N, C-alpha and C. Protein backbone atom coordinates (compact mmCIF):
# COMPACT_ATOMS: atom_id res chain seq x y z
N MET A 1 124.43 81.55 163.97
CA MET A 1 124.18 81.14 162.61
C MET A 1 125.47 80.62 161.99
N GLU A 2 125.40 79.47 161.36
CA GLU A 2 126.57 78.88 160.74
C GLU A 2 126.90 79.57 159.43
N LYS A 3 128.19 79.68 159.15
CA LYS A 3 128.60 80.27 157.87
C LYS A 3 128.32 79.32 156.73
N ASN A 4 128.89 78.14 156.79
CA ASN A 4 128.70 77.14 155.74
C ASN A 4 128.38 75.81 156.41
N SER A 5 127.18 75.36 156.23
CA SER A 5 126.85 74.05 156.74
C SER A 5 127.22 73.01 155.69
N GLU A 6 127.15 71.76 156.05
CA GLU A 6 127.50 70.70 155.11
C GLU A 6 126.49 70.60 153.98
N LYS A 7 125.29 71.09 154.19
CA LYS A 7 124.24 70.96 153.20
C LYS A 7 124.25 72.08 152.16
N THR A 8 124.88 73.18 152.46
CA THR A 8 124.87 74.31 151.54
C THR A 8 126.21 74.46 150.85
N MET A 9 126.16 75.02 149.69
CA MET A 9 127.38 75.30 148.93
C MET A 9 127.97 76.62 149.43
N PRO A 10 129.29 76.73 149.49
CA PRO A 10 129.88 78.01 149.87
C PRO A 10 129.65 79.06 148.79
N ARG A 11 129.50 80.29 149.23
CA ARG A 11 129.30 81.39 148.27
C ARG A 11 130.59 81.67 147.54
N PRO A 12 130.50 82.02 146.29
CA PRO A 12 131.73 82.38 145.57
C PRO A 12 132.33 83.66 146.14
N GLN A 13 133.63 83.78 146.05
CA GLN A 13 134.32 84.94 146.60
C GLN A 13 134.27 86.13 145.66
N VAL A 14 133.82 85.94 144.44
CA VAL A 14 133.78 87.00 143.45
C VAL A 14 132.40 87.66 143.45
N SER A 15 132.39 88.97 143.56
CA SER A 15 131.14 89.71 143.53
C SER A 15 130.81 90.09 142.09
N GLY A 16 129.55 90.23 141.79
CA GLY A 16 129.14 90.64 140.46
C GLY A 16 129.04 92.15 140.31
N LEU A 17 129.38 92.89 141.37
CA LEU A 17 129.24 94.34 141.34
C LEU A 17 130.14 94.99 140.30
N ALA A 18 131.37 94.55 140.19
CA ALA A 18 132.29 95.14 139.21
C ALA A 18 131.78 94.89 137.80
N HIS A 19 131.28 93.69 137.54
CA HIS A 19 130.73 93.36 136.22
C HIS A 19 129.54 94.26 135.90
N TRP A 20 128.67 94.46 136.88
CA TRP A 20 127.50 95.31 136.70
C TRP A 20 127.91 96.74 136.41
N ARG A 21 128.91 97.25 137.14
CA ARG A 21 129.39 98.62 136.90
C ARG A 21 129.97 98.78 135.51
N TRP A 22 130.79 97.80 135.08
CA TRP A 22 131.37 97.89 133.73
C TRP A 22 130.28 97.88 132.67
N GLN A 23 129.24 97.09 132.89
CA GLN A 23 128.13 97.08 131.93
C GLN A 23 127.48 98.45 131.84
N ARG A 24 127.22 99.08 132.97
CA ARG A 24 126.56 100.38 132.97
C ARG A 24 127.45 101.46 132.35
N MET A 25 128.73 101.45 132.71
CA MET A 25 129.65 102.46 132.16
C MET A 25 129.82 102.28 130.65
N SER A 26 129.94 101.04 130.20
CA SER A 26 130.09 100.83 128.76
C SER A 26 128.81 101.17 128.01
N ALA A 27 127.65 100.96 128.64
CA ALA A 27 126.38 101.31 128.01
C ALA A 27 126.28 102.82 127.81
N VAL A 28 126.68 103.58 128.80
CA VAL A 28 126.64 105.05 128.68
C VAL A 28 127.62 105.51 127.60
N ALA A 29 128.81 104.92 127.58
CA ALA A 29 129.81 105.30 126.56
C ALA A 29 129.31 104.97 125.16
N VAL A 30 128.73 103.80 124.97
CA VAL A 30 128.20 103.43 123.65
C VAL A 30 127.06 104.36 123.26
N LEU A 31 126.20 104.69 124.19
CA LEU A 31 125.09 105.60 123.90
C LEU A 31 125.60 106.97 123.45
N LEU A 32 126.58 107.51 124.16
CA LEU A 32 127.13 108.82 123.79
C LEU A 32 127.84 108.78 122.44
N LEU A 33 128.64 107.74 122.20
CA LEU A 33 129.34 107.63 120.92
C LEU A 33 128.37 107.42 119.75
N MET A 34 127.32 106.62 119.97
CA MET A 34 126.33 106.42 118.90
C MET A 34 125.57 107.71 118.62
N ALA A 35 125.21 108.45 119.66
CA ALA A 35 124.53 109.73 119.44
C ALA A 35 125.43 110.69 118.66
N TYR A 36 126.71 110.70 118.99
CA TYR A 36 127.67 111.54 118.26
C TYR A 36 127.74 111.15 116.78
N PHE A 37 127.85 109.86 116.51
CA PHE A 37 127.95 109.43 115.11
C PHE A 37 126.66 109.65 114.34
N VAL A 38 125.53 109.47 114.97
CA VAL A 38 124.26 109.75 114.28
C VAL A 38 124.18 111.23 113.93
N PHE A 39 124.55 112.09 114.86
CA PHE A 39 124.53 113.53 114.60
C PHE A 39 125.51 113.90 113.49
N VAL A 40 126.72 113.41 113.55
CA VAL A 40 127.74 113.77 112.56
C VAL A 40 127.37 113.25 111.18
N VAL A 41 126.93 112.02 111.08
CA VAL A 41 126.57 111.45 109.78
C VAL A 41 125.34 112.15 109.22
N ALA A 42 124.40 112.55 110.07
CA ALA A 42 123.20 113.25 109.60
C ALA A 42 123.55 114.64 109.07
N THR A 43 124.57 115.28 109.62
CA THR A 43 124.93 116.63 109.17
C THR A 43 125.85 116.62 107.96
N ILE A 44 126.41 115.48 107.61
CA ILE A 44 127.32 115.42 106.46
C ILE A 44 126.55 115.62 105.15
N GLY A 45 125.37 115.09 105.06
CA GLY A 45 124.61 115.19 103.82
C GLY A 45 124.76 113.92 103.03
N SER A 46 125.07 114.06 101.74
CA SER A 46 125.24 112.88 100.90
C SER A 46 126.57 112.22 101.26
N LEU A 47 126.50 110.99 101.65
CA LEU A 47 127.70 110.29 102.09
C LEU A 47 128.04 109.22 101.06
N ASP A 48 128.73 109.64 100.01
CA ASP A 48 129.20 108.66 99.04
C ASP A 48 130.51 108.06 99.55
N TYR A 49 131.10 107.19 98.76
CA TYR A 49 132.29 106.48 99.19
C TYR A 49 133.45 107.42 99.47
N ALA A 50 133.67 108.38 98.61
CA ALA A 50 134.79 109.32 98.79
C ALA A 50 134.58 110.18 100.04
N ALA A 51 133.35 110.62 100.26
CA ALA A 51 133.07 111.42 101.45
C ALA A 51 133.22 110.59 102.72
N ALA A 52 132.83 109.33 102.66
CA ALA A 52 132.98 108.46 103.82
C ALA A 52 134.45 108.23 104.14
N ARG A 53 135.28 108.03 103.11
CA ARG A 53 136.72 107.86 103.34
C ARG A 53 137.34 109.14 103.89
N ALA A 54 136.93 110.28 103.37
CA ALA A 54 137.46 111.56 103.87
C ALA A 54 137.01 111.79 105.31
N PHE A 55 135.78 111.41 105.61
CA PHE A 55 135.26 111.55 106.97
C PHE A 55 136.07 110.70 107.94
N LEU A 56 136.35 109.48 107.55
CA LEU A 56 137.06 108.56 108.43
C LEU A 56 138.56 108.84 108.47
N ALA A 57 139.07 109.54 107.48
CA ALA A 57 140.50 109.84 107.43
C ALA A 57 140.90 110.89 108.45
N THR A 58 139.96 111.67 108.95
CA THR A 58 140.30 112.64 109.99
C THR A 58 140.58 111.88 111.29
N PRO A 59 141.66 112.23 111.97
CA PRO A 59 142.07 111.42 113.14
C PRO A 59 141.02 111.34 114.25
N HIS A 60 140.35 112.44 114.55
CA HIS A 60 139.40 112.37 115.67
C HIS A 60 138.18 111.52 115.34
N GLN A 61 137.79 111.48 114.06
CA GLN A 61 136.66 110.61 113.68
C GLN A 61 137.07 109.14 113.74
N ALA A 62 138.29 108.85 113.29
CA ALA A 62 138.77 107.46 113.33
C ALA A 62 138.92 106.98 114.76
N VAL A 63 139.44 107.84 115.63
CA VAL A 63 139.59 107.46 117.04
C VAL A 63 138.22 107.24 117.68
N ALA A 64 137.27 108.10 117.38
CA ALA A 64 135.92 107.93 117.94
C ALA A 64 135.28 106.63 117.45
N LEU A 65 135.50 106.29 116.18
CA LEU A 65 134.94 105.04 115.67
C LEU A 65 135.63 103.83 116.29
N VAL A 66 136.94 103.92 116.49
CA VAL A 66 137.66 102.83 117.16
C VAL A 66 137.13 102.66 118.58
N LEU A 67 136.93 103.76 119.28
CA LEU A 67 136.36 103.68 120.64
C LEU A 67 134.98 103.05 120.62
N LEU A 68 134.16 103.43 119.65
CA LEU A 68 132.82 102.86 119.55
C LEU A 68 132.89 101.35 119.32
N VAL A 69 133.76 100.92 118.45
CA VAL A 69 133.89 99.48 118.18
C VAL A 69 134.39 98.73 119.41
N VAL A 70 135.45 99.22 120.02
CA VAL A 70 136.04 98.52 121.17
C VAL A 70 135.07 98.49 122.34
N ILE A 71 134.48 99.62 122.67
CA ILE A 71 133.55 99.66 123.80
C ILE A 71 132.27 98.90 123.48
N GLY A 72 131.81 98.98 122.24
CA GLY A 72 130.61 98.24 121.86
C GLY A 72 130.80 96.74 121.92
N VAL A 73 131.93 96.25 121.45
CA VAL A 73 132.21 94.81 121.52
C VAL A 73 132.39 94.38 122.98
N PHE A 74 133.06 95.21 123.77
CA PHE A 74 133.22 94.91 125.19
C PHE A 74 131.85 94.82 125.87
N HIS A 75 130.98 95.77 125.58
CA HIS A 75 129.64 95.77 126.17
C HIS A 75 128.84 94.54 125.72
N GLY A 76 128.94 94.20 124.45
CA GLY A 76 128.26 93.01 123.95
C GLY A 76 128.76 91.73 124.59
N THR A 77 130.08 91.67 124.81
CA THR A 77 130.66 90.50 125.46
C THR A 77 130.17 90.37 126.90
N LEU A 78 130.13 91.49 127.61
CA LEU A 78 129.61 91.45 128.98
C LEU A 78 128.16 90.97 129.01
N GLY A 79 127.36 91.47 128.09
CA GLY A 79 125.96 91.07 128.04
C GLY A 79 125.79 89.59 127.71
N ALA A 80 126.60 89.10 126.79
CA ALA A 80 126.52 87.68 126.44
C ALA A 80 126.94 86.81 127.62
N HIS A 81 127.95 87.26 128.37
CA HIS A 81 128.37 86.51 129.55
C HIS A 81 127.24 86.41 130.56
N VAL A 82 126.52 87.50 130.77
CA VAL A 82 125.42 87.48 131.74
C VAL A 82 124.34 86.50 131.30
N VAL A 83 123.98 86.53 130.03
CA VAL A 83 122.95 85.61 129.53
C VAL A 83 123.40 84.16 129.68
N ILE A 84 124.66 83.89 129.32
CA ILE A 84 125.17 82.52 129.43
C ILE A 84 125.22 82.08 130.89
N GLU A 85 125.73 82.94 131.77
CA GLU A 85 125.84 82.57 133.18
C GLU A 85 124.47 82.37 133.83
N ASP A 86 123.47 83.10 133.36
CA ASP A 86 122.13 82.98 133.93
C ASP A 86 121.36 81.77 133.42
N TYR A 87 121.58 81.37 132.17
CA TYR A 87 120.71 80.38 131.56
C TYR A 87 121.38 79.09 131.12
N VAL A 88 122.70 79.01 131.16
CA VAL A 88 123.37 77.78 130.74
C VAL A 88 124.00 77.13 131.97
N PRO A 89 123.60 75.90 132.28
CA PRO A 89 124.20 75.22 133.43
C PRO A 89 125.66 74.88 133.17
N VAL A 90 126.40 74.74 134.26
CA VAL A 90 127.83 74.42 134.14
C VAL A 90 128.02 73.09 133.43
N LYS A 91 127.15 72.14 133.72
CA LYS A 91 127.26 70.81 133.10
C LYS A 91 127.02 70.85 131.60
N SER A 92 126.33 71.86 131.12
CA SER A 92 126.04 71.95 129.68
C SER A 92 127.13 72.67 128.91
N GLY A 93 128.22 72.98 129.56
CA GLY A 93 129.34 73.59 128.86
C GLY A 93 129.37 75.10 128.93
N ARG A 94 129.00 75.66 130.07
CA ARG A 94 128.98 77.11 130.23
C ARG A 94 130.35 77.73 129.94
N HIS A 95 131.40 77.13 130.48
CA HIS A 95 132.73 77.72 130.33
C HIS A 95 133.20 77.67 128.88
N ALA A 96 132.91 76.58 128.19
CA ALA A 96 133.27 76.47 126.78
C ALA A 96 132.50 77.48 125.94
N LEU A 97 131.26 77.71 126.29
CA LEU A 97 130.44 78.67 125.56
C LEU A 97 130.94 80.10 125.79
N ILE A 98 131.34 80.42 127.01
CA ILE A 98 131.89 81.74 127.30
C ILE A 98 133.19 81.94 126.53
N LEU A 99 134.03 80.91 126.49
CA LEU A 99 135.28 81.00 125.72
C LEU A 99 134.99 81.20 124.23
N THR A 100 133.99 80.51 123.72
CA THR A 100 133.62 80.67 122.31
C THR A 100 133.13 82.09 122.02
N VAL A 101 132.33 82.64 122.91
CA VAL A 101 131.84 84.01 122.76
C VAL A 101 133.01 84.98 122.78
N ASN A 102 133.97 84.78 123.69
CA ASN A 102 135.14 85.65 123.76
C ASN A 102 135.94 85.62 122.46
N ILE A 103 136.12 84.43 121.90
CA ILE A 103 136.87 84.29 120.65
C ILE A 103 136.13 84.98 119.50
N ILE A 104 134.84 84.76 119.40
CA ILE A 104 134.05 85.37 118.32
C ILE A 104 134.07 86.89 118.43
N MET A 105 133.90 87.41 119.64
CA MET A 105 133.92 88.86 119.83
C MET A 105 135.31 89.44 119.52
N ALA A 106 136.35 88.72 119.87
CA ALA A 106 137.71 89.19 119.54
C ALA A 106 137.92 89.23 118.03
N ILE A 107 137.39 88.25 117.31
CA ILE A 107 137.49 88.24 115.85
C ILE A 107 136.72 89.41 115.26
N ILE A 108 135.53 89.67 115.78
CA ILE A 108 134.72 90.80 115.31
C ILE A 108 135.45 92.11 115.55
N ALA A 109 136.00 92.29 116.75
CA ALA A 109 136.72 93.52 117.08
C ALA A 109 137.96 93.67 116.20
N GLY A 110 138.70 92.60 116.05
CA GLY A 110 139.91 92.66 115.23
C GLY A 110 139.61 93.00 113.78
N ALA A 111 138.60 92.36 113.21
CA ALA A 111 138.23 92.64 111.82
C ALA A 111 137.74 94.08 111.66
N SER A 112 137.00 94.56 112.62
CA SER A 112 136.51 95.94 112.55
C SER A 112 137.66 96.94 112.65
N LEU A 113 138.60 96.68 113.54
CA LEU A 113 139.72 97.60 113.69
C LEU A 113 140.63 97.58 112.46
N VAL A 114 140.82 96.42 111.85
CA VAL A 114 141.60 96.34 110.62
C VAL A 114 140.90 97.11 109.51
N ALA A 115 139.58 96.99 109.42
CA ALA A 115 138.83 97.71 108.39
C ALA A 115 138.93 99.22 108.61
N ILE A 116 138.82 99.67 109.84
CA ILE A 116 138.93 101.11 110.13
C ILE A 116 140.33 101.61 109.77
N ALA A 117 141.34 100.82 110.17
CA ALA A 117 142.72 101.22 109.89
C ALA A 117 143.01 101.26 108.39
N SER A 118 142.45 100.32 107.63
CA SER A 118 142.70 100.32 106.19
C SER A 118 142.04 101.51 105.49
N VAL A 119 140.94 101.98 106.01
CA VAL A 119 140.28 103.15 105.41
C VAL A 119 140.89 104.44 105.92
N ALA A 120 141.25 104.48 107.19
CA ALA A 120 141.72 105.72 107.79
C ALA A 120 143.15 106.05 107.41
N PHE A 121 143.96 105.04 107.09
CA PHE A 121 145.37 105.32 106.80
C PHE A 121 145.71 105.00 105.40
């Protein structure tokens, strides 16, 4: 059996297994962090502005929220990449679209982290 005939395209050297694993690991992390925040916010009671600032001012809550934002944006970026790679042809600007998604997600993550830092500190 021939490895690569003239009629077939060579297989890419990059496997999708690492991407798939990162998606699964980030999904579990987001699920656990969201469950934690739902539980904590539900037990706080009335969450007015002052209580929300006091809640976020504690270091472990701020770190958990930062982790949720970073891992959540990472997970969303991975998912968007999969959708783009599956449904957008290369000729239609797949690479430009992936770059645009990366920039938008970086802006979202940066704005979220600045907002958390301004409230927590």
